[in-house]
Amino acid sequence: MIIRREYRFEASHQLTRHPGRCQRLHGHSYRFLVDVEGPIERDQEMVLDFEDLDRIVGEEVLARLDHYHLNDVIDYPTAEWIAVWIWRALAPRLPGLRRVELFEMDGASVIYRGEDPDAR
């Protein structure tokens, strides 16, 4: 079974190698989904308590990205690399992590499933 939870954070970034307007300092109201897969554990009758998931995401992601300038945290913070960063922050504490989907704006998202992005 897969559980999914949605989170939000506000942050600025600047894509210095981008040829367009994203080269300028700007911000986004990011939204991301976290999917965790596993069996229904009989002791609690759930895959993972949403409160536990909230605590992990809060400590590993939100505390480090919300209201920050992402260039100070992530080498080159495109939506793709932010999704990879979120995955890498969560994977050690969520062995059932299956997918991170990051929305930079409504209708524009990237999905990362843990495959090797061949860099950083």
C-alpha atoms as a PDB file:
ATOM      1  CA  MET A   1       0.000   0.000   0.000  1.00  0.00           C
ATOM      2  CA  ILE A   2       1.151   3.565  -0.645  1.00  0.00           C
ATOM      3  CA  ILE A   3       0.446   6.545   1.574  1.00  0.00           C
ATOM      4  CA  ARG A   4       0.817  10.098   0.291  1.00  0.00           C
ATOM      5  CA  ARG A   5       1.131  13.405   2.102  1.00  0.00           C
ATOM      6  CA  GLU A   6       1.365  16.953   0.769  1.00  0.00           C
ATOM      7  CA  TYR A   7       3.639  19.683   2.137  1.00  0.00           C
ATOM      8  CA  ARG A   8       4.371  23.317   1.299  1.00  0.00           C
ATOM      9  CA  PHE A   9       7.241  25.735   1.720  1.00  0.00           C
ATOM     10  CA  GLU A  10       8.211  29.215   0.581  1.00  0.00           C
ATOM     11  CA  ALA A  11      11.696  29.896  -0.764  1.00  0.00           C
ATOM     12  CA  SER A  12      13.733  32.047  -3.113  1.00  0.00           C
ATOM     13  CA  HIS A  13      16.288  30.987  -5.685  1.00  0.00           C
ATOM     14  CA  GLN A  14      18.232  32.242  -8.661  1.00  0.00           C
ATOM     15  CA  LEU A  15      19.225  30.178 -11.698  1.00  0.00           C
ATOM     16  CA  THR A  16      22.370  31.987 -12.752  1.00  0.00           C
ATOM     17  CA  ARG A  17      22.973  29.815 -15.839  1.00  0.00           C
ATOM     18  CA  HIS A  18      19.388  30.113 -17.099  1.00  0.00           C
ATOM     19  CA  PRO A  19      18.999  32.311 -20.199  1.00  0.00           C
ATOM     20  CA  GLY A  20      15.609  33.720 -19.207  1.00  0.00           C
ATOM     21  CA  ARG A  21      13.953  35.578 -16.382  1.00  0.00           C
ATOM     22  CA  CYS A  22      14.669  32.809 -13.847  1.00  0.00           C
ATOM     23  CA  GLN A  23      18.206  34.171 -13.852  1.00  0.00           C
ATOM     24  CA  ARG A  24      16.933  36.921 -11.559  1.00  0.00           C
ATOM     25  CA  LEU A  25      16.324  36.402  -7.866  1.00  0.00           C
ATOM     26  CA  HIS A  26      12.725  35.257  -7.365  1.00  0.00           C
ATOM     27  CA  GLY A  27      10.612  33.049  -5.138  1.00  0.00           C
ATOM     28  CA  HIS A  28       8.040  30.293  -5.257  1.00  0.00           C
ATOM     29  CA  SER A  29       5.346  28.800  -3.082  1.00  0.00           C
ATOM     30  CA  TYR A  30       6.518  25.213  -3.480  1.00  0.00           C
ATOM     31  CA  ARG A  31       4.296  22.215  -2.914  1.00  0.00           C
ATOM     32  CA  PHE A  32       5.495  18.626  -2.759  1.00  0.00           C
ATOM     33  CA  LEU A  33       4.045  15.164  -2.353  1.00  0.00           C
ATOM     34  CA  VAL A  34       5.783  12.313  -0.565  1.00  0.00           C
ATOM     35  CA  ASP A  35       4.784   8.697  -1.294  1.00  0.00           C
ATOM     36  CA  VAL A  36       5.777   5.946   1.136  1.00  0.00           C
ATOM     37  CA  GLU A  37       5.064   2.289   0.413  1.00  0.00           C
ATOM     38  CA  GLY A  38       4.861  -0.580   2.826  1.00  0.00           C
ATOM     39  CA  PRO A  39       2.658  -3.198   4.392  1.00  0.00           C
ATOM     40  CA  ILE A  40      -0.057  -2.328   6.865  1.00  0.00           C
ATOM     41  CA  GLU A  41       1.773  -2.881  10.139  1.00  0.00           C
ATOM     42  CA  ARG A  42      -0.448  -4.876  12.459  1.00  0.00           C
ATOM     43  CA  ASP A  43       0.608  -3.122  15.657  1.00  0.00           C
ATOM     44  CA  GLN A  44      -0.834   0.223  14.469  1.00  0.00           C
ATOM     45  CA  GLU A  45      -2.908  -0.986  11.483  1.00  0.00           C
ATOM     46  CA  MET A  46      -1.233   1.546   9.179  1.00  0.00           C
ATOM     47  CA  VAL A  47       1.733   1.805   6.811  1.00  0.00           C
ATOM     48  CA  LEU A  48       3.174   4.781   8.689  1.00  0.00           C
ATOM     49  CA  ASP A  49       1.559   7.188  11.106  1.00  0.00           C
ATOM     50  CA  PHE A  50       1.064  10.525   9.315  1.00  0.00           C
ATOM     51  CA  GLU A  51       2.281  12.287  12.470  1.00  0.00           C
ATOM     52  CA  ASP A  52       5.581  10.409  12.194  1.00  0.00           C
ATOM     53  CA  LEU A  53       5.835  11.321   8.519  1.00  0.00           C
ATOM     54  CA  ASP A  54       5.114  14.969   9.343  1.00  0.00           C
ATOM     55  CA  ARG A  55       7.840  14.993  11.989  1.00  0.00           C
ATOM     56  CA  ILE A  56      10.426  13.474   9.626  1.00  0.00           C
ATOM     57  CA  VAL A  57       9.566  15.820   6.748  1.00  0.00           C
ATOM     58  CA  GLY A  58       9.558  18.772   9.136  1.00  0.00           C
ATOM     59  CA  GLU A  59      12.996  17.960  10.524  1.00  0.00           C
ATOM     60  CA  GLU A  60      14.694  16.886   7.301  1.00  0.00           C
ATOM     61  CA  VAL A  61      13.106  19.170   4.694  1.00  0.00           C
ATOM     62  CA  LEU A  62      10.945  22.011   5.960  1.00  0.00           C
ATOM     63  CA  ALA A  63      13.376  23.124   8.671  1.00  0.00           C
ATOM     64  CA  ARG A  64      16.107  23.370   6.029  1.00  0.00           C
ATOM     65  CA  LEU A  65      14.200  24.841   3.060  1.00  0.00           C
ATOM     66  CA  ASP A  66      11.199  26.858   4.252  1.00  0.00           C
ATOM     67  CA  HIS A  67      11.875  30.609   3.970  1.00  0.00           C
ATOM     68  CA  TYR A  68      15.463  30.045   2.842  1.00  0.00           C
ATOM     69  CA  HIS A  69      17.379  31.138  -0.234  1.00  0.00           C
ATOM     70  CA  LEU A  70      17.779  27.747  -1.912  1.00  0.00           C
ATOM     71  CA  ASN A  71      21.092  28.645  -3.558  1.00  0.00           C
ATOM     72  CA  ASP A  72      22.561  28.596  -0.030  1.00  0.00           C
ATOM     73  CA  VAL A  73      21.358  25.005   0.463  1.00  0.00           C
ATOM     74  CA  ILE A  74      21.335  23.318  -2.972  1.00  0.00           C
ATOM     75  CA  ASP A  75      24.099  23.754  -5.534  1.00  0.00           C
ATOM     76  CA  TYR A  76      21.852  24.656  -8.481  1.00  0.00           C
ATOM     77  CA  PRO A  77      18.230  24.699  -7.271  1.00  0.00           C
ATOM     78  CA  THR A  78      16.150  23.844 -10.317  1.00  0.00           C
ATOM     79  CA  ALA A  79      12.922  21.978  -9.599  1.00  0.00           C
ATOM     80  CA  GLU A  80      14.686  18.772 -10.654  1.00  0.00           C
ATOM     81  CA  TRP A  81      17.544  19.201  -8.178  1.00  0.00           C
ATOM     82  CA  ILE A  82      15.233  20.312  -5.380  1.00  0.00           C
ATOM     83  CA  ALA A  83      13.271  17.062  -5.809  1.00  0.00           C
ATOM     84  CA  VAL A  84      16.524  15.054  -5.708  1.00  0.00           C
ATOM     85  CA  TRP A  85      17.602  16.965  -2.586  1.00  0.00           C
ATOM     86  CA  ILE A  86      14.279  16.224  -0.852  1.00  0.00           C
ATOM     87  CA  TRP A  87      14.609  12.534  -1.735  1.00  0.00           C
ATOM     88  CA  ARG A  88      18.150  12.364  -0.386  1.00  0.00           C
ATOM     89  CA  ALA A  89      17.104  14.132   2.819  1.00  0.00           C
ATOM     90  CA  LEU A  90      14.203  11.735   3.450  1.00  0.00           C
ATOM     91  CA  ALA A  91      15.446   8.362   2.161  1.00  0.00           C
ATOM     92  CA  PRO A  92      17.646   7.473   5.162  1.00  0.00           C
ATOM     93  CA  ARG A  93      14.669   7.819   7.509  1.00  0.00           C
ATOM     94  CA  LEU A  94      11.951   6.517   5.173  1.00  0.00           C
ATOM     95  CA  PRO A  95      13.000   3.134   3.739  1.00  0.00           C
ATOM     96  CA  GLY A  96       9.630   2.853   1.993  1.00  0.00           C
ATOM     97  CA  LEU A  97      10.047   6.165   0.135  1.00  0.00           C
ATOM     98  CA  ARG A  98       8.833   5.645  -3.432  1.00  0.00           C
ATOM     99  CA  ARG A  99       8.264   9.066  -4.970  1.00  0.00           C
ATOM    100  CA  VAL A 100       8.706  12.780  -4.460  1.00  0.00           C
ATOM    101  CA  GLU A 101       6.717  15.146  -6.666  1.00  0.00           C
ATOM    102  CA  LEU A 102       7.622  18.831  -6.469  1.00  0.00           C
ATOM    103  CA  PHE A 103       5.388  21.593  -7.842  1.00  0.00           C
ATOM    104  CA  GLU A 104       7.154  24.852  -8.581  1.00  0.00           C
ATOM    105  CA  MET A 105       3.783  26.331  -9.551  1.00  0.00           C
ATOM    106  CA  ASP A 106       0.324  24.980 -10.341  1.00  0.00           C
ATOM    107  CA  GLY A 107       0.522  22.645 -13.309  1.00  0.00           C
ATOM    108  CA  ALA A 108       4.340  22.417 -13.344  1.00  0.00           C
ATOM    109  CA  SER A 109       5.965  19.567 -11.443  1.00  0.00           C
ATOM    110  CA  VAL A 110       8.831  17.107 -11.463  1.00  0.00           C
ATOM    111  CA  ILE A 111       8.681  13.532 -10.191  1.00  0.00           C
ATOM    112  CA  TYR A 112      11.718  11.794  -8.721  1.00  0.00           C
ATOM    113  CA  ARG A 113      11.762   8.105  -7.806  1.00  0.00           C
ATOM    114  CA  GLY A 114      15.304   7.710  -6.526  1.00  0.00           C
ATOM    115  CA  GLU A 115      17.024   6.910  -9.801  1.00  0.00           C
ATOM    116  CA  ASP A 116      20.636   8.095 -10.096  1.00  0.00           C
ATOM    117  CA  PRO A 117      20.644  11.578 -11.634  1.00  0.00           C
ATOM    118  CA  ASP A 118      24.323  11.107 -12.633  1.00  0.00           C
ATOM    119  CA  ALA A 119      25.627  14.057 -10.667  1.00  0.00           C
ATOM    120  CA  ARG A 120      26.101  15.978  -7.445  1.00  0.00           C
END
